[in-house]
N, C-alpha and C. Protein backbone atom coordinates (compact mmCIF):
# COMPACT_ATOMS: atom_id res chain seq x y z
N MET A 1 231.29 118.76 215.43
CA MET A 1 232.25 117.66 215.27
C MET A 1 231.59 116.45 214.58
N PHE A 2 230.35 116.18 214.98
CA PHE A 2 229.64 115.03 214.42
C PHE A 2 229.49 115.17 212.90
N LEU A 3 229.02 116.35 212.45
CA LEU A 3 228.83 116.54 211.01
C LEU A 3 230.14 116.44 210.24
N TRP A 4 231.20 116.98 210.80
CA TRP A 4 232.51 116.91 210.15
C TRP A 4 232.97 115.45 210.02
N MET A 5 232.82 114.68 211.10
CA MET A 5 233.21 113.26 211.07
C MET A 5 232.34 112.47 210.11
N ARG A 6 231.03 112.77 210.08
CA ARG A 6 230.13 112.06 209.16
C ARG A 6 230.51 112.35 207.71
N ASN A 7 230.74 113.63 207.40
CA ASN A 7 231.11 113.99 206.03
C ASN A 7 232.47 113.40 205.65
N THR A 8 233.42 113.43 206.57
CA THR A 8 234.73 112.82 206.32
C THR A 8 234.58 111.33 206.06
N HIS A 9 233.74 110.66 206.85
CA HIS A 9 233.49 109.23 206.69
C HIS A 9 232.89 108.93 205.32
N LEU A 10 231.92 109.71 204.90
CA LEU A 10 231.28 109.50 203.60
C LEU A 10 232.27 109.75 202.44
N ILE A 11 233.03 110.82 202.55
CA ILE A 11 233.99 111.15 201.48
C ILE A 11 235.07 110.08 201.39
N LEU A 12 235.59 109.64 202.53
CA LEU A 12 236.61 108.59 202.53
C LEU A 12 236.05 107.28 201.96
N GLY A 13 234.80 106.97 202.32
CA GLY A 13 234.17 105.75 201.80
C GLY A 13 234.03 105.78 200.29
N LEU A 14 233.64 106.92 199.75
CA LEU A 14 233.50 107.04 198.30
C LEU A 14 234.86 107.06 197.61
N ALA A 15 235.81 107.77 198.22
CA ALA A 15 237.12 107.93 197.58
C ALA A 15 237.91 106.63 197.53
N PHE A 16 237.79 105.81 198.57
CA PHE A 16 238.64 104.62 198.65
C PHE A 16 237.88 103.31 198.46
N PHE A 17 236.67 103.41 197.94
CA PHE A 17 235.88 102.21 197.64
C PHE A 17 236.61 101.30 196.67
N PHE A 18 237.23 101.90 195.63
CA PHE A 18 237.96 101.14 194.61
C PHE A 18 239.08 100.30 195.24
N PHE A 19 239.86 100.90 196.14
CA PHE A 19 240.94 100.17 196.80
C PHE A 19 240.40 99.06 197.68
N ALA A 20 239.32 99.34 198.38
CA ALA A 20 238.73 98.32 199.25
C ALA A 20 238.28 97.12 198.43
N ILE A 21 237.68 97.35 197.27
CA ILE A 21 237.22 96.26 196.42
C ILE A 21 238.42 95.46 195.89
N ILE A 22 239.45 96.14 195.40
CA ILE A 22 240.63 95.44 194.87
C ILE A 22 241.27 94.57 195.95
N PHE A 23 241.46 95.14 197.13
CA PHE A 23 242.10 94.38 198.20
C PHE A 23 241.19 93.27 198.73
N ALA A 24 239.89 93.48 198.74
CA ALA A 24 238.97 92.43 199.18
C ALA A 24 238.96 91.26 198.19
N VAL A 25 238.84 91.56 196.90
CA VAL A 25 238.83 90.51 195.89
C VAL A 25 240.16 89.76 195.87
N SER A 26 241.27 90.51 195.90
CA SER A 26 242.58 89.84 195.86
C SER A 26 242.81 89.02 197.11
N SER A 27 242.31 89.46 198.26
CA SER A 27 242.44 88.65 199.48
C SER A 27 241.68 87.34 199.35
N LEU A 28 240.48 87.40 198.79
CA LEU A 28 239.71 86.18 198.57
C LEU A 28 240.42 85.25 197.59
N VAL A 29 241.02 85.82 196.55
CA VAL A 29 241.75 84.99 195.59
C VAL A 29 242.95 84.33 196.26
N ILE A 30 243.65 85.08 197.11
CA ILE A 30 244.80 84.51 197.82
C ILE A 30 244.36 83.35 198.71
N ILE A 31 243.25 83.55 199.42
CA ILE A 31 242.77 82.51 200.35
C ILE A 31 242.28 81.28 199.59
N TYR A 32 241.52 81.48 198.51
CA TYR A 32 240.89 80.37 197.80
C TYR A 32 241.61 79.99 196.51
N ARG A 33 242.87 80.39 196.35
CA ARG A 33 243.62 80.13 195.12
C ARG A 33 243.63 78.65 194.72
N PRO A 34 243.78 77.71 195.66
CA PRO A 34 243.79 76.30 195.23
C PRO A 34 242.50 75.85 194.56
N TRP A 35 241.41 76.50 194.83
CA TRP A 35 240.11 76.11 194.28
C TRP A 35 239.80 76.81 192.96
N LEU A 36 240.57 77.82 192.61
CA LEU A 36 240.29 78.59 191.40
C LEU A 36 241.07 78.03 190.22
N PRO A 37 240.52 78.12 189.02
CA PRO A 37 241.26 77.63 187.85
C PRO A 37 242.46 78.51 187.56
N ASP A 38 243.54 77.90 187.08
CA ASP A 38 244.74 78.65 186.72
C ASP A 38 244.54 79.20 185.32
N ALA A 39 244.44 80.52 185.23
CA ALA A 39 244.15 81.16 183.94
C ALA A 39 245.43 81.67 183.28
N ARG A 40 246.56 81.07 183.63
CA ARG A 40 247.82 81.56 183.07
C ARG A 40 248.03 81.00 181.66
N VAL A 41 248.50 81.87 180.78
CA VAL A 41 248.81 81.49 179.40
C VAL A 41 250.29 81.75 179.18
N ASP A 42 251.03 80.71 178.78
CA ASP A 42 252.47 80.82 178.53
C ASP A 42 252.74 80.80 177.03
N THR A 43 253.62 81.68 176.59
CA THR A 43 254.07 81.68 175.21
C THR A 43 255.59 81.80 175.19
N GLU A 44 256.19 81.23 174.16
CA GLU A 44 257.64 81.32 174.01
C GLU A 44 257.95 81.84 172.61
N GLU A 45 259.00 82.65 172.51
CA GLU A 45 259.43 83.17 171.22
C GLU A 45 260.89 83.57 171.30
N THR A 46 261.43 83.91 170.16
CA THR A 46 262.81 84.38 170.06
C THR A 46 262.80 85.73 169.36
N ILE A 47 263.58 86.66 169.90
CA ILE A 47 263.66 88.02 169.36
C ILE A 47 265.07 88.26 168.86
N GLN A 48 265.18 88.91 167.72
CA GLN A 48 266.48 89.30 167.16
C GLN A 48 266.88 90.66 167.74
N ILE A 49 268.14 90.77 168.18
CA ILE A 49 268.64 92.03 168.71
C ILE A 49 270.02 92.32 168.11
N ASP A 50 270.48 93.52 168.34
CA ASP A 50 271.84 93.91 167.96
C ASP A 50 272.76 93.53 169.12
N ALA A 51 273.66 92.60 168.92
CA ALA A 51 274.52 92.09 169.98
C ALA A 51 275.40 93.19 170.58
N ALA A 52 275.69 94.24 169.82
CA ALA A 52 276.54 95.32 170.32
C ALA A 52 275.87 96.12 171.43
N THR A 53 274.53 96.10 171.49
CA THR A 53 273.83 96.85 172.53
C THR A 53 273.67 96.05 173.81
N ALA A 54 273.98 94.78 173.79
CA ALA A 54 273.78 93.90 174.95
C ALA A 54 275.08 93.71 175.71
N THR A 55 275.65 94.79 176.21
CA THR A 55 276.91 94.71 176.94
C THR A 55 276.73 94.28 178.39
N SER A 56 275.51 94.43 178.93
CA SER A 56 275.19 94.01 180.30
C SER A 56 273.72 93.64 180.35
N PRO A 57 273.30 92.94 181.40
CA PRO A 57 271.87 92.62 181.50
C PRO A 57 270.98 93.86 181.49
N ARG A 58 271.42 94.92 182.18
CA ARG A 58 270.61 96.15 182.22
C ARG A 58 270.52 96.80 180.85
N SER A 59 271.64 96.86 180.11
CA SER A 59 271.59 97.47 178.78
C SER A 59 270.73 96.64 177.83
N LEU A 60 270.79 95.32 177.97
CA LEU A 60 269.94 94.45 177.16
C LEU A 60 268.46 94.68 177.50
N ALA A 61 268.16 94.77 178.79
CA ALA A 61 266.77 95.01 179.21
C ALA A 61 266.28 96.36 178.69
N LEU A 62 267.11 97.38 178.79
CA LEU A 62 266.71 98.70 178.28
C LEU A 62 266.49 98.66 176.77
N GLU A 63 267.33 97.92 176.05
CA GLU A 63 267.16 97.75 174.60
C GLU A 63 265.82 97.09 174.30
N LEU A 64 265.49 96.04 175.06
CA LEU A 64 264.22 95.34 174.84
C LEU A 64 263.03 96.22 175.18
N MET A 65 263.16 97.02 176.24
CA MET A 65 262.07 97.91 176.63
C MET A 65 261.86 99.01 175.59
N ARG A 66 262.95 99.55 175.07
CA ARG A 66 262.85 100.64 174.10
C ARG A 66 262.37 100.18 172.73
N ASN A 67 262.97 99.11 172.22
CA ASN A 67 262.74 98.73 170.83
C ASN A 67 261.77 97.58 170.62
N HIS A 68 261.38 96.91 171.70
CA HIS A 68 260.48 95.76 171.54
C HIS A 68 259.25 95.85 172.44
N ASP A 69 259.02 97.02 173.02
CA ASP A 69 257.79 97.31 173.78
C ASP A 69 257.55 96.40 174.99
N PHE A 70 258.62 96.06 175.70
CA PHE A 70 258.45 95.37 176.98
C PHE A 70 258.47 96.43 178.07
N ALA A 71 257.51 96.37 178.98
CA ALA A 71 257.44 97.35 180.06
C ALA A 71 257.31 96.62 181.38
N GLY A 72 257.97 97.13 182.40
CA GLY A 72 257.89 96.54 183.72
C GLY A 72 259.16 96.75 184.51
N ASP A 73 259.24 96.04 185.63
CA ASP A 73 260.41 96.09 186.51
C ASP A 73 261.41 95.03 186.10
N LEU A 74 262.67 95.39 186.07
CA LEU A 74 263.75 94.44 185.82
C LEU A 74 264.03 93.72 187.13
N ARG A 75 263.94 92.38 187.11
CA ARG A 75 264.11 91.58 188.33
C ARG A 75 264.91 90.31 188.04
N GLN A 76 265.43 89.76 189.12
CA GLN A 76 266.10 88.46 189.14
C GLN A 76 267.16 88.35 188.05
N VAL A 77 268.08 89.30 188.03
CA VAL A 77 269.17 89.27 187.05
C VAL A 77 270.20 88.25 187.52
N LYS A 78 270.53 87.30 186.64
CA LYS A 78 271.52 86.27 186.95
C LYS A 78 272.48 86.15 185.78
N GLU A 79 273.75 86.25 186.08
CA GLU A 79 274.78 86.06 185.06
C GLU A 79 275.54 84.78 185.39
N GLU A 80 275.36 83.79 184.53
CA GLU A 80 276.10 82.55 184.68
C GLU A 80 277.24 82.56 183.66
N ASP A 81 278.00 81.49 183.56
CA ASP A 81 279.17 81.46 182.69
C ASP A 81 278.86 81.86 181.25
N ASP A 82 277.85 81.25 180.67
CA ASP A 82 277.55 81.52 179.27
C ASP A 82 276.08 81.87 179.04
N LEU A 83 275.43 82.42 180.08
CA LEU A 83 274.00 82.72 179.95
C LEU A 83 273.62 83.87 180.89
N ILE A 84 272.84 84.78 180.38
CA ILE A 84 272.27 85.87 181.18
C ILE A 84 270.76 85.63 181.25
N LYS A 85 270.23 85.68 182.49
CA LYS A 85 268.79 85.51 182.70
C LYS A 85 268.27 86.69 183.49
N PHE A 86 267.08 87.13 183.16
CA PHE A 86 266.40 88.17 183.93
C PHE A 86 264.92 88.16 183.60
N GLN A 87 264.16 88.91 184.38
CA GLN A 87 262.72 89.04 184.17
C GLN A 87 262.35 90.51 184.01
N ILE A 88 261.32 90.77 183.24
CA ILE A 88 260.68 92.08 183.22
C ILE A 88 259.23 91.81 183.60
N ASN A 89 258.83 92.35 184.76
CA ASN A 89 257.52 92.04 185.33
C ASN A 89 256.66 93.28 185.48
N ARG A 90 255.37 93.07 185.27
CA ARG A 90 254.36 94.04 185.65
C ARG A 90 253.14 93.22 186.06
N PRO A 91 252.21 93.80 186.82
CA PRO A 91 251.06 93.01 187.26
C PRO A 91 250.32 92.37 186.08
N GLY A 92 250.19 91.07 186.15
CA GLY A 92 249.49 90.33 185.11
C GLY A 92 250.38 89.73 184.05
N THR A 93 251.63 90.20 183.93
CA THR A 93 252.53 89.71 182.89
C THR A 93 253.96 89.64 183.43
N HIS A 94 254.57 88.46 183.29
CA HIS A 94 255.99 88.28 183.62
C HIS A 94 256.67 87.70 182.39
N VAL A 95 257.81 88.26 182.04
CA VAL A 95 258.56 87.78 180.88
C VAL A 95 259.95 87.36 181.35
N ASN A 96 260.30 86.10 181.14
CA ASN A 96 261.63 85.57 181.47
C ASN A 96 262.48 85.59 180.21
N PHE A 97 263.68 86.15 180.32
CA PHE A 97 264.60 86.27 179.19
C PHE A 97 265.84 85.44 179.43
N GLU A 98 266.33 84.82 178.37
CA GLU A 98 267.62 84.11 178.39
C GLU A 98 268.42 84.59 177.20
N TYR A 99 269.68 84.96 177.46
CA TYR A 99 270.54 85.51 176.41
C TYR A 99 271.95 84.95 176.56
N VAL A 100 272.47 84.45 175.45
CA VAL A 100 273.87 84.00 175.40
C VAL A 100 274.69 85.20 174.92
N PRO A 101 275.62 85.71 175.76
CA PRO A 101 276.39 86.90 175.37
C PRO A 101 277.07 86.73 174.01
N GLY A 102 276.96 87.78 173.19
CA GLY A 102 277.56 87.76 171.86
C GLY A 102 276.62 87.31 170.76
N SER A 103 275.50 86.69 171.12
CA SER A 103 274.57 86.22 170.09
C SER A 103 273.60 87.34 169.73
N SER A 104 272.82 87.11 168.70
CA SER A 104 271.86 88.12 168.26
C SER A 104 270.42 87.69 168.52
N GLU A 105 270.24 86.69 169.41
CA GLU A 105 268.91 86.20 169.73
C GLU A 105 268.68 86.20 171.23
N VAL A 106 267.49 86.57 171.61
CA VAL A 106 267.06 86.49 173.00
C VAL A 106 265.84 85.57 173.05
N LYS A 107 265.92 84.53 173.89
CA LYS A 107 264.76 83.65 174.07
C LYS A 107 263.94 84.19 175.22
N LEU A 108 262.62 84.18 175.04
CA LEU A 108 261.77 84.67 176.11
C LEU A 108 260.55 83.80 176.28
N LYS A 109 260.11 83.76 177.53
CA LYS A 109 258.89 83.05 177.87
C LYS A 109 257.98 84.05 178.58
N THR A 110 256.82 84.29 178.00
CA THR A 110 255.86 85.25 178.54
C THR A 110 254.76 84.49 179.28
N MET A 111 254.49 84.92 180.50
CA MET A 111 253.41 84.34 181.30
C MET A 111 252.38 85.44 181.55
N ARG A 112 251.14 85.20 181.10
CA ARG A 112 250.06 86.17 181.29
C ARG A 112 248.97 85.51 182.14
N TRP A 113 248.52 86.27 183.15
CA TRP A 113 247.49 85.78 184.05
C TRP A 113 246.18 86.51 183.79
N GLY A 114 245.10 85.94 184.30
CA GLY A 114 243.79 86.57 184.22
C GLY A 114 243.67 87.70 185.24
N TRP A 115 242.49 88.29 185.31
CA TRP A 115 242.29 89.45 186.17
C TRP A 115 242.42 89.12 187.65
N THR A 116 242.06 87.90 188.07
CA THR A 116 242.14 87.58 189.51
C THR A 116 243.59 87.57 189.99
N GLU A 117 244.47 86.93 189.24
CA GLU A 117 245.88 86.89 189.64
C GLU A 117 246.53 88.26 189.47
N THR A 118 246.07 89.04 188.51
CA THR A 118 246.57 90.41 188.37
C THR A 118 246.21 91.23 189.61
N PHE A 119 244.99 91.05 190.14
CA PHE A 119 244.61 91.71 191.39
C PHE A 119 245.54 91.30 192.53
N VAL A 120 245.87 90.01 192.59
CA VAL A 120 246.79 89.54 193.64
C VAL A 120 248.15 90.21 193.50
N GLN A 121 248.65 90.31 192.27
CA GLN A 121 249.94 90.96 192.06
C GLN A 121 249.88 92.44 192.41
N LEU A 122 248.76 93.10 192.19
CA LEU A 122 248.59 94.48 192.65
C LEU A 122 248.56 94.53 194.18
N HIS A 123 247.93 93.54 194.80
CA HIS A 123 247.81 93.47 196.25
C HIS A 123 249.19 93.39 196.91
N VAL A 124 250.08 92.60 196.34
CA VAL A 124 251.39 92.39 196.98
C VAL A 124 252.47 93.33 196.45
N ASN A 125 252.15 94.17 195.46
CA ASN A 125 253.12 95.14 194.96
C ASN A 125 253.41 96.14 196.08
N HIS A 126 254.67 96.41 196.33
CA HIS A 126 255.02 97.30 197.43
C HIS A 126 256.17 98.23 197.04
N GLY A 127 256.28 99.30 197.76
CA GLY A 127 257.39 100.24 197.56
C GLY A 127 257.12 101.26 196.47
N PHE A 128 258.03 102.24 196.41
CA PHE A 128 257.89 103.33 195.46
C PHE A 128 259.02 103.36 194.45
N HIS A 129 260.04 102.56 194.63
CA HIS A 129 261.23 102.64 193.79
C HIS A 129 261.25 101.48 192.79
N HIS A 130 260.51 101.65 191.71
CA HIS A 130 260.42 100.66 190.66
C HIS A 130 260.97 101.25 189.36
N ASP A 131 261.43 100.37 188.48
CA ASP A 131 261.83 100.81 187.15
C ASP A 131 260.60 101.19 186.32
N PHE A 132 259.48 100.64 186.69
CA PHE A 132 258.22 100.80 185.97
C PHE A 132 257.39 101.86 186.70
N LEU A 133 257.25 103.04 186.11
CA LEU A 133 256.59 104.17 186.77
C LEU A 133 255.17 103.84 187.26
N PRO A 134 254.33 103.13 186.49
CA PRO A 134 253.01 102.80 187.03
C PRO A 134 253.06 101.97 188.32
N ALA A 135 254.09 101.12 188.48
CA ALA A 135 254.22 100.35 189.72
C ALA A 135 254.56 101.26 190.90
N SER A 136 255.42 102.26 190.66
CA SER A 136 255.73 103.24 191.72
C SER A 136 254.49 104.05 192.07
N ALA A 137 253.74 104.47 191.07
CA ALA A 137 252.51 105.23 191.30
C ALA A 137 251.50 104.38 192.07
N TRP A 138 251.39 103.10 191.70
CA TRP A 138 250.47 102.22 192.41
C TRP A 138 250.89 102.06 193.87
N GLY A 139 252.20 101.97 194.14
CA GLY A 139 252.68 101.90 195.52
C GLY A 139 252.26 103.12 196.32
N ALA A 140 252.40 104.30 195.72
CA ALA A 140 251.99 105.54 196.40
C ALA A 140 250.48 105.57 196.62
N LEU A 141 249.71 105.17 195.60
CA LEU A 141 248.26 105.13 195.75
C LEU A 141 247.82 104.10 196.79
N SER A 142 248.53 102.98 196.86
CA SER A 142 248.21 101.96 197.86
C SER A 142 248.45 102.48 199.27
N LEU A 143 249.54 103.22 199.46
CA LEU A 143 249.79 103.84 200.76
C LEU A 143 248.68 104.82 201.11
N LEU A 144 248.33 105.66 200.17
CA LEU A 144 247.26 106.63 200.38
C LEU A 144 245.93 105.91 200.66
N GLY A 145 245.66 104.84 199.90
CA GLY A 145 244.44 104.07 200.11
C GLY A 145 244.41 103.41 201.47
N SER A 146 245.54 102.87 201.92
CA SER A 146 245.60 102.23 203.24
C SER A 146 245.33 103.24 204.34
N ILE A 147 245.96 104.41 204.24
CA ILE A 147 245.73 105.46 205.23
C ILE A 147 244.27 105.89 205.20
N GLY A 148 243.71 106.06 203.99
CA GLY A 148 242.31 106.44 203.86
C GLY A 148 241.37 105.42 204.47
N LEU A 149 241.66 104.13 204.27
CA LEU A 149 240.78 103.09 204.82
C LEU A 149 240.90 103.03 206.35
N LEU A 150 242.11 103.28 206.89
CA LEU A 150 242.26 103.33 208.34
C LEU A 150 241.48 104.51 208.93
N LEU A 151 241.53 105.66 208.24
CA LEU A 151 240.76 106.82 208.68
C LEU A 151 239.26 106.56 208.55
N LEU A 152 238.86 105.83 207.50
CA LEU A 152 237.45 105.46 207.35
C LEU A 152 236.99 104.62 208.54
N GLY A 153 237.83 103.66 208.92
CA GLY A 153 237.49 102.84 210.09
C GLY A 153 237.43 103.64 211.37
N ALA A 154 238.39 104.56 211.55
CA ALA A 154 238.42 105.39 212.76
C ALA A 154 237.19 106.29 212.84
N THR A 155 236.83 106.93 211.72
CA THR A 155 235.65 107.79 211.74
C THR A 155 234.38 106.97 211.92
N GLY A 156 234.35 105.76 211.36
CA GLY A 156 233.20 104.88 211.56
C GLY A 156 233.04 104.47 213.02
N LEU A 157 234.16 104.18 213.69
CA LEU A 157 234.08 103.85 215.13
C LEU A 157 233.59 105.04 215.94
N TYR A 158 234.08 106.22 215.58
CA TYR A 158 233.61 107.43 216.29
C TYR A 158 232.11 107.61 216.10
N LEU A 159 231.64 107.50 214.87
CA LEU A 159 230.21 107.68 214.60
C LEU A 159 229.39 106.61 215.32
N TRP A 160 229.90 105.38 215.34
CA TRP A 160 229.19 104.30 216.03
C TRP A 160 229.08 104.61 217.52
N PHE A 161 230.13 105.17 218.08
CA PHE A 161 230.15 105.45 219.52
C PHE A 161 229.18 106.57 219.90
N VAL A 162 229.11 107.63 219.07
CA VAL A 162 228.26 108.78 219.44
C VAL A 162 226.80 108.61 219.05
N MET A 163 226.49 107.67 218.19
CA MET A 163 225.10 107.47 217.77
C MET A 163 224.49 106.34 218.60
N ASN A 164 223.84 106.69 219.70
CA ASN A 164 223.33 105.69 220.63
C ASN A 164 222.33 104.74 220.00
N GLU A 165 221.46 105.27 219.12
CA GLU A 165 220.41 104.42 218.56
C GLU A 165 220.96 103.37 217.59
N ASP A 166 222.16 103.58 217.07
CA ASP A 166 222.75 102.63 216.12
C ASP A 166 223.82 101.74 216.74
N ARG A 167 223.98 101.78 218.05
CA ARG A 167 225.05 101.00 218.68
C ARG A 167 224.81 99.49 218.57
N ALA A 168 223.58 99.06 218.66
CA ALA A 168 223.31 97.61 218.64
C ALA A 168 223.70 97.03 217.28
N ILE A 169 223.21 97.61 216.20
CA ILE A 169 223.56 97.09 214.87
C ILE A 169 225.04 97.30 214.59
N GLY A 170 225.60 98.41 215.06
CA GLY A 170 227.03 98.66 214.89
C GLY A 170 227.87 97.62 215.62
N SER A 171 227.42 97.22 216.80
CA SER A 171 228.13 96.18 217.56
C SER A 171 228.13 94.86 216.81
N VAL A 172 226.98 94.51 216.24
CA VAL A 172 226.87 93.26 215.48
C VAL A 172 227.80 93.30 214.27
N ILE A 173 227.79 94.41 213.54
CA ILE A 173 228.66 94.54 212.36
C ILE A 173 230.13 94.49 212.76
N LEU A 174 230.49 95.18 213.84
CA LEU A 174 231.88 95.21 214.31
C LEU A 174 232.34 93.82 214.72
N VAL A 175 231.53 93.11 215.50
CA VAL A 175 231.90 91.76 215.93
C VAL A 175 231.99 90.82 214.73
N PHE A 176 231.02 90.90 213.82
CA PHE A 176 231.05 90.05 212.63
C PHE A 176 232.32 90.32 211.82
N GLY A 177 232.65 91.59 211.61
CA GLY A 177 233.85 91.94 210.86
C GLY A 177 235.12 91.43 211.51
N LEU A 178 235.21 91.55 212.83
CA LEU A 178 236.40 91.06 213.53
C LEU A 178 236.49 89.53 213.47
N VAL A 179 235.37 88.85 213.68
CA VAL A 179 235.37 87.38 213.64
C VAL A 179 235.71 86.90 212.23
N TYR A 180 235.10 87.50 211.22
CA TYR A 180 235.38 87.10 209.84
C TYR A 180 236.84 87.35 209.49
N GLY A 181 237.36 88.54 209.82
CA GLY A 181 238.74 88.87 209.50
C GLY A 181 239.73 87.95 210.19
N LEU A 182 239.53 87.69 211.46
CA LEU A 182 240.45 86.79 212.19
C LEU A 182 240.34 85.36 211.67
N THR A 183 239.11 84.92 211.37
CA THR A 183 238.93 83.57 210.82
C THR A 183 239.64 83.43 209.48
N ALA A 184 239.47 84.43 208.61
CA ALA A 184 240.13 84.38 207.30
C ALA A 184 241.64 84.40 207.45
N LEU A 185 242.15 85.21 208.38
CA LEU A 185 243.59 85.26 208.63
C LEU A 185 244.13 83.92 209.12
N ILE A 186 243.47 83.35 210.09
CA ILE A 186 243.91 82.04 210.63
C ILE A 186 243.78 80.96 209.58
N TRP A 187 242.68 80.95 208.84
CA TRP A 187 242.47 79.94 207.81
C TRP A 187 243.50 80.05 206.70
N SER A 188 243.85 81.27 206.31
CA SER A 188 244.84 81.45 205.25
C SER A 188 246.21 80.98 205.69
N ARG A 189 246.51 81.04 206.97
CA ARG A 189 247.80 80.57 207.47
C ARG A 189 247.85 79.05 207.64
N MET A 190 246.67 78.43 207.79
CA MET A 190 246.62 76.98 208.00
C MET A 190 246.61 76.22 206.67
N VAL A 191 246.04 76.81 205.64
CA VAL A 191 245.88 76.11 204.35
C VAL A 191 247.18 76.06 203.61
C-alpha cells in the first residue's frame, strides 16, 4: 500500500504541477492586485459589416467571429432602443461591441491584459458550457486538476502519517501551509 500511495503521490505531483503553479500565481495576483501595475492596453476601431447579416446580436457576433477572427464567449448582450451591445471574451482579451441596427459599422473597444491578469481570468473561469471551445476544455481540465490536487494532498497526508521519521518536518510544513492559507484567505477578504 505504501509504495502504491508513494507512486500515486509522485505521479499526481508531476501531472498537476502546472495547475498548482497557475492557481498559486493567480491567487497571489488576486491578493496583491492593488500593488501591481495595470498592464491593460485598450484600443478602439470600427469594422465594416454587411447589415443584412446582423439580424440579431447572436447573428452579428457569429458574423464577427467567422469573418473578422474574433474568438471567445458571447456575453452581456443588451438590446436598447437604437443600440445593440455585447462582449466577446476570452482570457486576456475582452472586446466590447456597439452596433446601431441597420448600419454597416460596428464600433469596438478591445482590452488586452498582461499574463498576470490572464492567469486570474483562467483562475475564475468556470463551467463547461461556453461558446468558446478552449474555455470549455479549460473548465474540464480545471476540474480534473482540482481533483488531482485534492488526491495529491490526501496521499501526502497518508504518507506523512505512516512515515514516523518524517512526522516532525511534515507537521511543520502542514501547520505552516494551514496558517499561510488561512492568513491569505482572511487578508484577501479584508483588503
